[in-house]
Amino acid sequence: MGLLDVILGRTKPVRPDLDRLFALPSAALTLRAGAGLEPTGRGSVCFASVEGGAFDALREDVRRLLDADTARGGTPVEFLRDPYGYTWLLAQEPPDDVPALVNDLHAVNTLLEDAGFGPQLLCSLLGFRDGRGRPLALVYLYKRGTFYPFAPIEGGRERRDHELELQARALLADDLRIEEDLSRWFPVWGAPGL
């Protein structure tokens, strides 16, 4: 970054650090102990779709990699498209195996990034529910390198449980790099994995 960038107030974008995803198993323990939130065993990666043979081949590589355990009872990955045109890859593992799910999410992100599709990556999320059935997702913003909690209130009215989100933020301050700018805590309504 040069002097002109400093004078004009330009900032260098944060380089994504996919290894931050490996902090999620510890965060899951913190959420269980502090708020009674249990992992659902579901997580997803959201990216802007790209048309073309190279992307289709990569998509099949991802499917083959993550579906390798389906013969032993694993759940196949699903590719879903949301109303905004984004593609979501939904991965599932047993709820008590957060490390395996995190490995799946990390592998998908890494494959997309290594193939040159990093700019298409938007976010990854890991789902939780408390004893009353309230959902919470820990969302990793790829382009910011930060996490934030997202807690939709079920019922189809697109409302959030801000109290639960702020409780999760306070609990996870030592586990994850939490996004400080609350305006970047984007709602991911209907995201697979919640």
N, C-alpha and C. Protein backbone atom coordinates (compact mmCIF):
# COMPACT_ATOMS: atom_id res chain seq x y z
N MET A 1 0.86 -1.15 0.00
CA MET A 1 0.00 0.00 0.00
C MET A 1 0.91 1.22 0.00
N GLY A 2 0.63 2.15 -0.90
CA GLY A 2 1.47 3.33 -1.03
C GLY A 2 0.94 4.52 -0.27
N LEU A 3 1.73 5.59 -0.30
CA LEU A 3 1.37 6.83 0.38
C LEU A 3 0.06 7.40 -0.16
N LEU A 4 -0.14 7.34 -1.48
CA LEU A 4 -1.37 7.85 -2.08
C LEU A 4 -2.59 7.09 -1.56
N ASP A 5 -2.46 5.77 -1.38
CA ASP A 5 -3.56 4.98 -0.84
C ASP A 5 -3.91 5.42 0.58
N VAL A 6 -2.89 5.71 1.38
CA VAL A 6 -3.12 6.17 2.76
C VAL A 6 -3.82 7.52 2.75
N ILE A 7 -3.36 8.44 1.91
CA ILE A 7 -3.94 9.78 1.84
C ILE A 7 -5.40 9.72 1.38
N LEU A 8 -5.69 8.85 0.41
CA LEU A 8 -7.05 8.75 -0.13
C LEU A 8 -7.96 7.84 0.70
N GLY A 9 -7.40 7.25 1.74
CA GLY A 9 -8.22 6.43 2.63
C GLY A 9 -8.50 5.04 2.10
N ARG A 10 -7.75 4.60 1.11
CA ARG A 10 -7.96 3.25 0.58
C ARG A 10 -7.34 2.24 1.54
N THR A 11 -7.99 1.12 1.65
CA THR A 11 -7.45 0.07 2.50
C THR A 11 -7.20 -1.17 1.65
N LYS A 12 -6.25 -1.94 2.10
CA LYS A 12 -5.93 -3.18 1.42
C LYS A 12 -6.94 -4.23 1.88
N PRO A 13 -7.56 -4.97 0.95
CA PRO A 13 -8.54 -5.97 1.38
C PRO A 13 -7.88 -7.06 2.21
N VAL A 14 -8.64 -7.61 3.15
CA VAL A 14 -8.15 -8.69 3.99
C VAL A 14 -8.06 -9.95 3.15
N ARG A 15 -6.93 -10.61 3.21
CA ARG A 15 -6.77 -11.87 2.47
C ARG A 15 -7.47 -12.96 3.26
N PRO A 16 -8.32 -13.73 2.61
CA PRO A 16 -9.02 -14.80 3.32
C PRO A 16 -8.04 -15.81 3.91
N ASP A 17 -8.33 -16.26 5.08
CA ASP A 17 -7.52 -17.27 5.74
C ASP A 17 -8.45 -18.43 6.05
N LEU A 18 -8.49 -19.39 5.12
CA LEU A 18 -9.41 -20.51 5.26
C LEU A 18 -9.11 -21.36 6.49
N ASP A 19 -7.87 -21.29 6.99
CA ASP A 19 -7.55 -22.06 8.18
C ASP A 19 -8.31 -21.58 9.41
N ARG A 20 -8.89 -20.39 9.34
CA ARG A 20 -9.72 -19.92 10.46
C ARG A 20 -10.94 -20.82 10.66
N LEU A 21 -11.34 -21.53 9.60
CA LEU A 21 -12.46 -22.47 9.74
C LEU A 21 -12.16 -23.55 10.78
N PHE A 22 -10.87 -23.88 10.98
CA PHE A 22 -10.51 -24.93 11.91
C PHE A 22 -10.73 -24.52 13.37
N ALA A 23 -11.10 -23.29 13.62
CA ALA A 23 -11.44 -22.85 14.97
C ALA A 23 -12.90 -23.19 15.30
N LEU A 24 -13.67 -23.62 14.31
CA LEU A 24 -15.10 -23.89 14.55
C LEU A 24 -15.36 -25.03 15.54
N PRO A 25 -14.59 -26.13 15.56
CA PRO A 25 -14.88 -27.15 16.58
C PRO A 25 -14.76 -26.60 18.01
N SER A 26 -13.76 -25.76 18.26
CA SER A 26 -13.64 -25.14 19.59
C SER A 26 -14.81 -24.22 19.85
N ALA A 27 -15.22 -23.45 18.84
CA ALA A 27 -16.37 -22.55 18.98
C ALA A 27 -17.64 -23.35 19.27
N ALA A 28 -17.76 -24.52 18.66
CA ALA A 28 -18.94 -25.36 18.91
C ALA A 28 -19.00 -25.79 20.37
N LEU A 29 -17.85 -26.12 20.96
CA LEU A 29 -17.82 -26.48 22.38
C LEU A 29 -18.21 -25.29 23.25
N THR A 30 -17.74 -24.11 22.88
CA THR A 30 -18.07 -22.90 23.64
C THR A 30 -19.57 -22.62 23.57
N LEU A 31 -20.17 -22.77 22.39
CA LEU A 31 -21.61 -22.53 22.25
C LEU A 31 -22.43 -23.57 23.02
N ARG A 32 -21.95 -24.80 23.03
CA ARG A 32 -22.66 -25.84 23.79
C ARG A 32 -22.63 -25.52 25.28
N ALA A 33 -21.46 -25.18 25.79
CA ALA A 33 -21.31 -24.92 27.23
C ALA A 33 -21.98 -23.62 27.65
N GLY A 34 -21.89 -22.58 26.83
CA GLY A 34 -22.38 -21.27 27.23
C GLY A 34 -23.81 -20.96 26.88
N ALA A 35 -24.36 -21.63 25.86
CA ALA A 35 -25.72 -21.28 25.42
C ALA A 35 -26.58 -22.50 25.12
N GLY A 36 -26.07 -23.70 25.34
CA GLY A 36 -26.85 -24.90 25.07
C GLY A 36 -27.12 -25.13 23.58
N LEU A 37 -26.29 -24.55 22.73
CA LEU A 37 -26.45 -24.73 21.28
C LEU A 37 -25.67 -25.96 20.83
N GLU A 38 -26.37 -26.86 20.15
CA GLU A 38 -25.76 -28.10 19.67
C GLU A 38 -25.57 -28.04 18.16
N PRO A 39 -24.46 -28.57 17.64
CA PRO A 39 -24.26 -28.62 16.19
C PRO A 39 -25.33 -29.49 15.54
N THR A 40 -25.77 -29.11 14.36
CA THR A 40 -26.77 -29.88 13.62
C THR A 40 -26.13 -30.93 12.72
N GLY A 41 -24.82 -30.80 12.49
CA GLY A 41 -24.15 -31.70 11.55
C GLY A 41 -24.29 -31.25 10.11
N ARG A 42 -24.81 -30.04 9.94
CA ARG A 42 -25.01 -29.50 8.59
C ARG A 42 -24.21 -28.21 8.43
N GLY A 43 -23.60 -28.08 7.28
CA GLY A 43 -22.85 -26.88 6.96
C GLY A 43 -22.91 -26.64 5.46
N SER A 44 -22.61 -25.43 5.04
CA SER A 44 -22.71 -25.15 3.61
C SER A 44 -21.70 -24.09 3.19
N VAL A 45 -21.47 -24.07 1.90
CA VAL A 45 -20.59 -23.09 1.26
C VAL A 45 -21.42 -22.41 0.18
N CYS A 46 -21.39 -21.09 0.15
CA CYS A 46 -22.14 -20.32 -0.85
C CYS A 46 -21.16 -19.65 -1.80
N PHE A 47 -21.47 -19.75 -3.09
CA PHE A 47 -20.63 -19.12 -4.10
C PHE A 47 -21.48 -18.72 -5.29
N ALA A 48 -20.98 -17.71 -6.01
CA ALA A 48 -21.65 -17.28 -7.24
C ALA A 48 -21.30 -18.30 -8.31
N SER A 49 -22.30 -18.81 -8.97
CA SER A 49 -22.08 -19.81 -10.00
C SER A 49 -21.40 -19.21 -11.22
N VAL A 50 -20.65 -20.06 -11.86
CA VAL A 50 -19.97 -19.69 -13.09
C VAL A 50 -20.35 -20.73 -14.13
N GLU A 51 -20.62 -20.29 -15.32
CA GLU A 51 -20.96 -21.22 -16.40
C GLU A 51 -19.68 -21.65 -17.09
N GLY A 52 -19.65 -22.87 -17.56
CA GLY A 52 -18.51 -23.33 -18.33
C GLY A 52 -18.04 -24.69 -17.89
N GLY A 53 -17.30 -25.32 -18.77
CA GLY A 53 -16.82 -26.68 -18.54
C GLY A 53 -15.87 -26.80 -17.38
N ALA A 54 -14.97 -25.82 -17.20
CA ALA A 54 -14.00 -25.90 -16.11
C ALA A 54 -14.71 -25.91 -14.76
N PHE A 55 -15.72 -25.06 -14.61
CA PHE A 55 -16.44 -25.00 -13.35
C PHE A 55 -17.27 -26.26 -13.14
N ASP A 56 -17.88 -26.78 -14.20
CA ASP A 56 -18.65 -28.02 -14.09
C ASP A 56 -17.76 -29.19 -13.67
N ALA A 57 -16.55 -29.24 -14.24
CA ALA A 57 -15.61 -30.31 -13.87
C ALA A 57 -15.21 -30.18 -12.41
N LEU A 58 -14.96 -28.96 -11.96
CA LEU A 58 -14.60 -28.73 -10.57
C LEU A 58 -15.75 -29.13 -9.64
N ARG A 59 -16.94 -28.82 -10.03
CA ARG A 59 -18.11 -29.18 -9.23
C ARG A 59 -18.20 -30.70 -9.06
N GLU A 60 -17.92 -31.43 -10.13
CA GLU A 60 -17.94 -32.89 -10.05
C GLU A 60 -16.79 -33.41 -9.19
N ASP A 61 -15.62 -32.75 -9.25
CA ASP A 61 -14.50 -33.13 -8.38
C ASP A 61 -14.89 -32.96 -6.92
N VAL A 62 -15.55 -31.86 -6.61
CA VAL A 62 -16.00 -31.62 -5.24
C VAL A 62 -16.99 -32.70 -4.82
N ARG A 63 -17.91 -33.02 -5.70
CA ARG A 63 -18.92 -34.04 -5.38
C ARG A 63 -18.24 -35.39 -5.12
N ARG A 64 -17.29 -35.78 -5.98
CA ARG A 64 -16.60 -37.06 -5.80
C ARG A 64 -15.82 -37.09 -4.48
N LEU A 65 -15.14 -35.98 -4.17
CA LEU A 65 -14.35 -35.92 -2.94
C LEU A 65 -15.23 -36.07 -1.71
N LEU A 66 -16.31 -35.31 -1.64
CA LEU A 66 -17.14 -35.32 -0.44
C LEU A 66 -18.09 -36.50 -0.37
N ASP A 67 -18.38 -37.12 -1.51
CA ASP A 67 -19.27 -38.28 -1.51
C ASP A 67 -18.52 -39.60 -1.38
N ALA A 68 -17.21 -39.54 -1.16
CA ALA A 68 -16.40 -40.76 -1.09
C ALA A 68 -16.86 -41.70 0.02
N ASP A 69 -17.48 -41.17 1.07
CA ASP A 69 -17.90 -42.02 2.20
C ASP A 69 -19.36 -42.45 2.13
N THR A 70 -20.05 -42.17 1.04
CA THR A 70 -21.48 -42.53 0.99
C THR A 70 -21.69 -44.04 1.00
N ALA A 71 -20.72 -44.82 0.49
CA ALA A 71 -20.85 -46.27 0.52
C ALA A 71 -20.81 -46.80 1.95
N ARG A 72 -20.21 -46.03 2.87
CA ARG A 72 -20.13 -46.43 4.27
C ARG A 72 -21.20 -45.73 5.11
N GLY A 73 -22.23 -45.21 4.46
CA GLY A 73 -23.33 -44.59 5.19
C GLY A 73 -23.31 -43.08 5.26
N GLY A 74 -22.33 -42.45 4.63
CA GLY A 74 -22.26 -40.99 4.62
C GLY A 74 -23.38 -40.40 3.78
N THR A 75 -23.68 -39.13 4.02
CA THR A 75 -24.74 -38.44 3.29
C THR A 75 -24.14 -37.72 2.09
N PRO A 76 -24.71 -37.92 0.89
CA PRO A 76 -24.18 -37.22 -0.28
C PRO A 76 -24.36 -35.71 -0.17
N VAL A 77 -23.42 -34.97 -0.76
CA VAL A 77 -23.55 -33.52 -0.77
C VAL A 77 -24.67 -33.13 -1.73
N GLU A 78 -25.21 -31.97 -1.49
CA GLU A 78 -26.26 -31.43 -2.36
C GLU A 78 -25.82 -30.07 -2.87
N PHE A 79 -26.11 -29.81 -4.13
CA PHE A 79 -25.93 -28.48 -4.70
C PHE A 79 -27.31 -27.88 -4.87
N LEU A 80 -27.52 -26.71 -4.29
CA LEU A 80 -28.82 -26.05 -4.34
C LEU A 80 -28.63 -24.63 -4.84
N ARG A 81 -29.66 -24.09 -5.48
CA ARG A 81 -29.61 -22.72 -5.96
C ARG A 81 -30.66 -21.91 -5.22
N ASP A 82 -30.26 -20.73 -4.72
CA ASP A 82 -31.22 -19.91 -3.98
C ASP A 82 -31.92 -18.94 -4.93
N PRO A 83 -32.93 -18.21 -4.44
CA PRO A 83 -33.68 -17.30 -5.31
C PRO A 83 -32.84 -16.15 -5.89
N TYR A 84 -31.66 -15.92 -5.31
CA TYR A 84 -30.81 -14.83 -5.79
C TYR A 84 -29.80 -15.30 -6.84
N GLY A 85 -29.82 -16.60 -7.16
CA GLY A 85 -28.93 -17.14 -8.18
C GLY A 85 -27.62 -17.67 -7.65
N TYR A 86 -27.44 -17.71 -6.33
CA TYR A 86 -26.21 -18.24 -5.76
C TYR A 86 -26.34 -19.74 -5.58
N THR A 87 -25.22 -20.42 -5.64
CA THR A 87 -25.18 -21.86 -5.44
C THR A 87 -24.70 -22.16 -4.03
N TRP A 88 -25.35 -23.09 -3.40
CA TRP A 88 -24.99 -23.54 -2.06
C TRP A 88 -24.64 -25.02 -2.13
N LEU A 89 -23.52 -25.39 -1.55
CA LEU A 89 -23.17 -26.79 -1.40
C LEU A 89 -23.48 -27.15 0.05
N LEU A 90 -24.33 -28.12 0.25
CA LEU A 90 -24.72 -28.56 1.59
C LEU A 90 -23.99 -29.85 1.91
N ALA A 91 -23.22 -29.84 3.00
CA ALA A 91 -22.51 -31.03 3.47
C ALA A 91 -23.10 -31.44 4.81
N GLN A 92 -23.14 -32.75 5.05
CA GLN A 92 -23.68 -33.25 6.31
C GLN A 92 -22.77 -34.33 6.88
N GLU A 93 -22.59 -34.27 8.17
CA GLU A 93 -21.83 -35.26 8.93
C GLU A 93 -22.61 -35.51 10.21
N PRO A 94 -22.26 -36.54 10.98
CA PRO A 94 -22.95 -36.72 12.27
C PRO A 94 -22.77 -35.45 13.13
N PRO A 95 -23.81 -35.03 13.85
CA PRO A 95 -23.73 -33.80 14.64
C PRO A 95 -22.57 -33.74 15.61
N ASP A 96 -22.12 -34.89 16.10
CA ASP A 96 -21.02 -34.88 17.06
C ASP A 96 -19.64 -34.88 16.39
N ASP A 97 -19.60 -34.81 15.05
CA ASP A 97 -18.33 -34.81 14.33
C ASP A 97 -18.11 -33.48 13.60
N VAL A 98 -18.04 -32.40 14.38
CA VAL A 98 -17.82 -31.07 13.82
C VAL A 98 -16.49 -31.00 13.06
N PRO A 99 -15.41 -31.62 13.56
CA PRO A 99 -14.15 -31.56 12.80
C PRO A 99 -14.28 -32.11 11.38
N ALA A 100 -15.02 -33.21 11.19
CA ALA A 100 -15.19 -33.77 9.84
C ALA A 100 -15.96 -32.81 8.95
N LEU A 101 -16.99 -32.17 9.49
CA LEU A 101 -17.77 -31.21 8.72
C LEU A 101 -16.92 -30.00 8.35
N VAL A 102 -16.12 -29.52 9.28
CA VAL A 102 -15.24 -28.39 9.01
C VAL A 102 -14.22 -28.77 7.92
N ASN A 103 -13.71 -30.00 7.98
CA ASN A 103 -12.79 -30.46 6.93
C ASN A 103 -13.46 -30.44 5.57
N ASP A 104 -14.73 -30.85 5.51
CA ASP A 104 -15.47 -30.82 4.24
C ASP A 104 -15.59 -29.38 3.73
N LEU A 105 -15.99 -28.47 4.60
CA LEU A 105 -16.17 -27.07 4.19
C LEU A 105 -14.84 -26.47 3.75
N HIS A 106 -13.79 -26.76 4.49
CA HIS A 106 -12.46 -26.26 4.13
C HIS A 106 -12.02 -26.81 2.78
N ALA A 107 -12.26 -28.09 2.54
CA ALA A 107 -11.87 -28.71 1.27
C ALA A 107 -12.58 -28.05 0.09
N VAL A 108 -13.87 -27.78 0.24
CA VAL A 108 -14.63 -27.14 -0.85
C VAL A 108 -14.07 -25.75 -1.12
N ASN A 109 -13.89 -24.96 -0.07
CA ASN A 109 -13.34 -23.62 -0.23
C ASN A 109 -11.96 -23.65 -0.89
N THR A 110 -11.12 -24.56 -0.43
CA THR A 110 -9.76 -24.66 -0.97
C THR A 110 -9.77 -25.07 -2.43
N LEU A 111 -10.59 -26.05 -2.78
CA LEU A 111 -10.66 -26.48 -4.18
C LEU A 111 -11.12 -25.33 -5.09
N LEU A 112 -12.13 -24.59 -4.66
CA LEU A 112 -12.62 -23.48 -5.46
C LEU A 112 -11.55 -22.38 -5.58
N GLU A 113 -10.89 -22.08 -4.47
CA GLU A 113 -9.86 -21.05 -4.49
C GLU A 113 -8.68 -21.46 -5.37
N ASP A 114 -8.21 -22.70 -5.20
CA ASP A 114 -7.06 -23.18 -5.97
C ASP A 114 -7.33 -23.26 -7.46
N ALA A 115 -8.60 -23.44 -7.83
CA ALA A 115 -8.97 -23.52 -9.25
C ALA A 115 -9.21 -22.13 -9.85
N GLY A 116 -8.99 -21.08 -9.05
CA GLY A 116 -9.16 -19.73 -9.57
C GLY A 116 -10.54 -19.15 -9.37
N PHE A 117 -11.39 -19.84 -8.61
CA PHE A 117 -12.75 -19.37 -8.39
C PHE A 117 -12.92 -18.70 -7.03
N GLY A 118 -11.83 -18.30 -6.40
CA GLY A 118 -11.89 -17.62 -5.10
C GLY A 118 -12.80 -16.40 -5.11
N PRO A 119 -12.76 -15.56 -6.16
CA PRO A 119 -13.64 -14.39 -6.18
C PRO A 119 -15.14 -14.73 -6.16
N GLN A 120 -15.50 -15.96 -6.51
CA GLN A 120 -16.90 -16.36 -6.48
C GLN A 120 -17.36 -16.82 -5.11
N LEU A 121 -16.41 -17.11 -4.19
CA LEU A 121 -16.78 -17.56 -2.85
C LEU A 121 -17.38 -16.42 -2.04
N LEU A 122 -18.50 -16.68 -1.39
CA LEU A 122 -19.16 -15.66 -0.58
C LEU A 122 -19.05 -15.96 0.91
N CYS A 123 -19.51 -17.13 1.31
CA CYS A 123 -19.48 -17.45 2.73
C CYS A 123 -19.60 -18.95 2.94
N SER A 124 -19.31 -19.36 4.16
CA SER A 124 -19.53 -20.73 4.62
C SER A 124 -20.28 -20.62 5.93
N LEU A 125 -21.08 -21.61 6.23
CA LEU A 125 -21.78 -21.58 7.52
C LEU A 125 -21.89 -22.95 8.14
N LEU A 126 -22.01 -22.94 9.46
CA LEU A 126 -22.15 -24.14 10.25
C LEU A 126 -23.39 -23.96 11.12
N GLY A 127 -24.30 -24.94 11.10
CA GLY A 127 -25.59 -24.80 11.79
C GLY A 127 -25.61 -25.35 13.21
N PHE A 128 -26.44 -24.70 14.06
CA PHE A 128 -26.64 -25.09 15.45
C PHE A 128 -28.11 -24.93 15.80
N ARG A 129 -28.56 -25.61 16.86
CA ARG A 129 -29.90 -25.43 17.42
C ARG A 129 -29.80 -25.56 18.92
N ASP A 130 -30.65 -24.80 19.61
CA ASP A 130 -30.66 -24.93 21.07
C ASP A 130 -31.78 -25.88 21.48
N GLY A 131 -31.96 -26.07 22.78
CA GLY A 131 -32.96 -27.01 23.30
C GLY A 131 -34.39 -26.64 22.94
N ARG A 132 -34.62 -25.36 22.61
CA ARG A 132 -35.97 -24.92 22.21
C ARG A 132 -36.14 -24.95 20.69
N GLY A 133 -35.11 -25.42 19.98
CA GLY A 133 -35.20 -25.52 18.52
C GLY A 133 -34.80 -24.26 17.76
N ARG A 134 -34.31 -23.24 18.49
CA ARG A 134 -33.90 -22.00 17.81
C ARG A 134 -32.63 -22.24 16.99
N PRO A 135 -32.63 -21.84 15.71
CA PRO A 135 -31.46 -22.04 14.88
C PRO A 135 -30.45 -20.90 15.03
N LEU A 136 -29.18 -21.26 14.82
CA LEU A 136 -28.11 -20.27 14.78
C LEU A 136 -27.08 -20.82 13.79
N ALA A 137 -26.53 -19.93 13.00
CA ALA A 137 -25.43 -20.31 12.10
C ALA A 137 -24.23 -19.44 12.42
N LEU A 138 -23.06 -20.04 12.38
CA LEU A 138 -21.83 -19.27 12.41
C LEU A 138 -21.42 -19.11 10.95
N VAL A 139 -21.38 -17.88 10.49
CA VAL A 139 -21.13 -17.57 9.08
C VAL A 139 -19.71 -17.04 8.95
N TYR A 140 -18.96 -17.62 8.02
CA TYR A 140 -17.61 -17.14 7.71
C TYR A 140 -17.69 -16.33 6.42
N LEU A 141 -17.35 -15.05 6.52
CA LEU A 141 -17.33 -14.18 5.34
C LEU A 141 -15.97 -14.33 4.66
N TYR A 142 -15.99 -14.93 3.51
CA TYR A 142 -14.76 -15.25 2.80
C TYR A 142 -13.91 -14.01 2.52
N LYS A 143 -14.53 -12.97 2.00
CA LYS A 143 -13.77 -11.78 1.60
C LYS A 143 -13.32 -10.93 2.79
N ARG A 144 -13.86 -11.14 3.97
CA ARG A 144 -13.48 -10.37 5.15
C ARG A 144 -12.59 -11.17 6.11
N GLY A 145 -12.66 -12.49 5.99
CA GLY A 145 -11.88 -13.32 6.90
C GLY A 145 -12.42 -13.29 8.31
N THR A 146 -13.73 -13.05 8.46
CA THR A 146 -14.35 -12.93 9.79
C THR A 146 -15.60 -13.80 9.87
N PHE A 147 -16.03 -14.00 11.11
CA PHE A 147 -17.25 -14.76 11.39
C PHE A 147 -18.30 -13.84 12.00
N TYR A 148 -19.55 -14.24 11.88
CA TYR A 148 -20.63 -13.60 12.64
C TYR A 148 -21.74 -14.62 12.85
N PRO A 149 -22.50 -14.46 13.93
CA PRO A 149 -23.63 -15.34 14.18
C PRO A 149 -24.88 -14.82 13.46
N PHE A 150 -25.67 -15.74 12.94
CA PHE A 150 -26.94 -15.39 12.30
C PHE A 150 -28.01 -16.29 12.89
N ALA A 151 -29.04 -15.69 13.49
CA ALA A 151 -30.10 -16.45 14.15
C ALA A 151 -31.46 -16.02 13.61
N PRO A 152 -31.95 -16.70 12.57
CA PRO A 152 -33.28 -16.35 12.05
C PRO A 152 -34.37 -16.85 12.99
N ILE A 153 -35.43 -16.11 13.06
CA ILE A 153 -36.61 -16.56 13.81
C ILE A 153 -37.49 -17.30 12.81
N GLU A 154 -37.76 -18.55 13.13
CA GLU A 154 -38.53 -19.37 12.19
C GLU A 154 -39.97 -18.88 12.12
N GLY A 155 -40.55 -19.07 10.97
CA GLY A 155 -41.92 -18.64 10.77
C GLY A 155 -42.11 -17.92 9.45
N GLY A 156 -41.04 -17.81 8.66
CA GLY A 156 -41.16 -17.26 7.32
C GLY A 156 -41.29 -15.75 7.23
N ARG A 157 -41.07 -15.02 8.32
CA ARG A 157 -41.27 -13.57 8.26
C ARG A 157 -39.96 -12.79 8.20
N GLU A 158 -38.86 -13.49 7.99
CA GLU A 158 -37.54 -12.88 7.86
C GLU A 158 -37.23 -11.90 8.99
N ARG A 159 -37.25 -12.45 10.19
CA ARG A 159 -36.85 -11.69 11.37
C ARG A 159 -35.70 -12.43 12.03
N ARG A 160 -34.89 -11.67 12.78
CA ARG A 160 -33.72 -12.24 13.42
C ARG A 160 -33.83 -12.17 14.94
N ASP A 161 -33.20 -13.13 15.60
CA ASP A 161 -33.12 -13.15 17.04
C ASP A 161 -31.82 -12.44 17.42
N HIS A 162 -31.88 -11.12 17.52
CA HIS A 162 -30.69 -10.32 17.79
C HIS A 162 -30.08 -10.65 19.16
N GLU A 163 -30.92 -10.96 20.11
CA GLU A 163 -30.41 -11.30 21.44
C GLU A 163 -29.52 -12.54 21.38
N LEU A 164 -29.96 -13.57 20.66
CA LEU A 164 -29.16 -14.79 20.53
C LEU A 164 -27.86 -14.51 19.76
N GLU A 165 -27.94 -13.67 18.72
CA GLU A 165 -26.75 -13.32 17.95
C GLU A 165 -25.71 -12.61 18.83
N LEU A 166 -26.17 -11.66 19.63
CA LEU A 166 -25.25 -10.93 20.49
C LEU A 166 -24.70 -11.80 21.62
N GLN A 167 -25.51 -12.72 22.12
CA GLN A 167 -25.04 -13.67 23.12
C GLN A 167 -23.93 -14.54 22.52
N ALA A 168 -24.14 -15.03 21.31
CA ALA A 168 -23.13 -15.86 20.64
C ALA A 168 -21.85 -15.05 20.39
N ARG A 169 -22.00 -13.80 19.97
CA ARG A 169 -20.83 -12.96 19.73
C ARG A 169 -20.00 -12.83 21.01
N ALA A 170 -20.67 -12.58 22.12
CA ALA A 170 -19.95 -12.42 23.39
C ALA A 170 -19.25 -13.72 23.80
N LEU A 171 -19.91 -14.84 23.61
CA LEU A 171 -19.32 -16.13 23.97
C LEU A 171 -18.10 -16.47 23.13
N LEU A 172 -18.13 -16.08 21.85
CA LEU A 172 -17.10 -16.51 20.90
C LEU A 172 -15.96 -15.53 20.72
N ALA A 173 -15.93 -14.48 21.50
CA ALA A 173 -14.90 -13.44 21.33
C ALA A 173 -13.48 -14.00 21.39
N ASP A 174 -13.26 -15.05 22.17
CA ASP A 174 -11.92 -15.63 22.29
C ASP A 174 -11.68 -16.79 21.33
N ASP A 175 -12.73 -17.28 20.68
CA ASP A 175 -12.60 -18.44 19.79
C ASP A 175 -12.44 -18.07 18.32
N LEU A 176 -13.16 -17.04 17.89
CA LEU A 176 -13.22 -16.70 16.47
C LEU A 176 -12.92 -15.21 16.26
N ARG A 177 -12.48 -14.89 15.07
CA ARG A 177 -12.35 -13.47 14.70
C ARG A 177 -13.74 -13.00 14.26
N ILE A 178 -14.43 -12.32 15.16
CA ILE A 178 -15.80 -11.88 14.92
C ILE A 178 -15.80 -10.58 14.12
N GLU A 179 -16.69 -10.51 13.14
CA GLU A 179 -16.84 -9.28 12.33
C GLU A 179 -17.34 -8.17 13.25
N GLU A 180 -16.56 -7.09 13.33
CA GLU A 180 -16.91 -5.97 14.20
C GLU A 180 -17.99 -5.08 13.62
N ASP A 181 -18.05 -4.97 12.31
CA ASP A 181 -19.02 -4.11 11.65
C ASP A 181 -20.36 -4.85 11.53
N LEU A 182 -21.30 -4.51 12.43
CA LEU A 182 -22.59 -5.21 12.45
C LEU A 182 -23.37 -5.06 11.15
N SER A 183 -23.08 -4.03 10.37
CA SER A 183 -23.79 -3.87 9.09
C SER A 183 -23.37 -4.95 8.10
N ARG A 184 -22.30 -5.67 8.39
CA ARG A 184 -21.85 -6.76 7.53
C ARG A 184 -22.36 -8.12 8.00
N TRP A 185 -23.19 -8.12 9.03
CA TRP A 185 -23.82 -9.35 9.48
C TRP A 185 -25.04 -9.60 8.60
N PHE A 186 -24.80 -9.97 7.37
CA PHE A 186 -25.84 -10.12 6.37
C PHE A 186 -26.76 -11.29 6.69
N PRO A 187 -28.05 -11.13 6.50
CA PRO A 187 -28.96 -12.26 6.69
C PRO A 187 -28.79 -13.24 5.54
N VAL A 188 -28.79 -14.50 5.86
CA VAL A 188 -28.74 -15.54 4.83
C VAL A 188 -30.02 -16.37 4.94
N TRP A 189 -31.13 -15.69 4.63
CA TRP A 189 -32.45 -16.32 4.76
C TRP A 189 -32.51 -17.60 3.94
N GLY A 190 -33.02 -18.64 4.57
CA GLY A 190 -33.24 -19.91 3.87
C GLY A 190 -31.96 -20.63 3.50
N ALA A 191 -30.84 -20.27 4.08
CA ALA A 191 -29.58 -20.92 3.73
C ALA A 191 -29.61 -22.39 4.10
N PRO A 192 -29.17 -23.25 3.19
CA PRO A 192 -29.05 -24.66 3.54
C PRO A 192 -28.03 -24.82 4.67
N GLY A 193 -28.32 -25.67 5.59
CA GLY A 193 -27.41 -25.90 6.71
C GLY A 193 -27.90 -25.31 8.00
N LEU A 194 -28.95 -24.49 7.95
CA LEU A 194 -29.48 -23.92 9.20
C LEU A 194 -30.35 -24.89 9.92
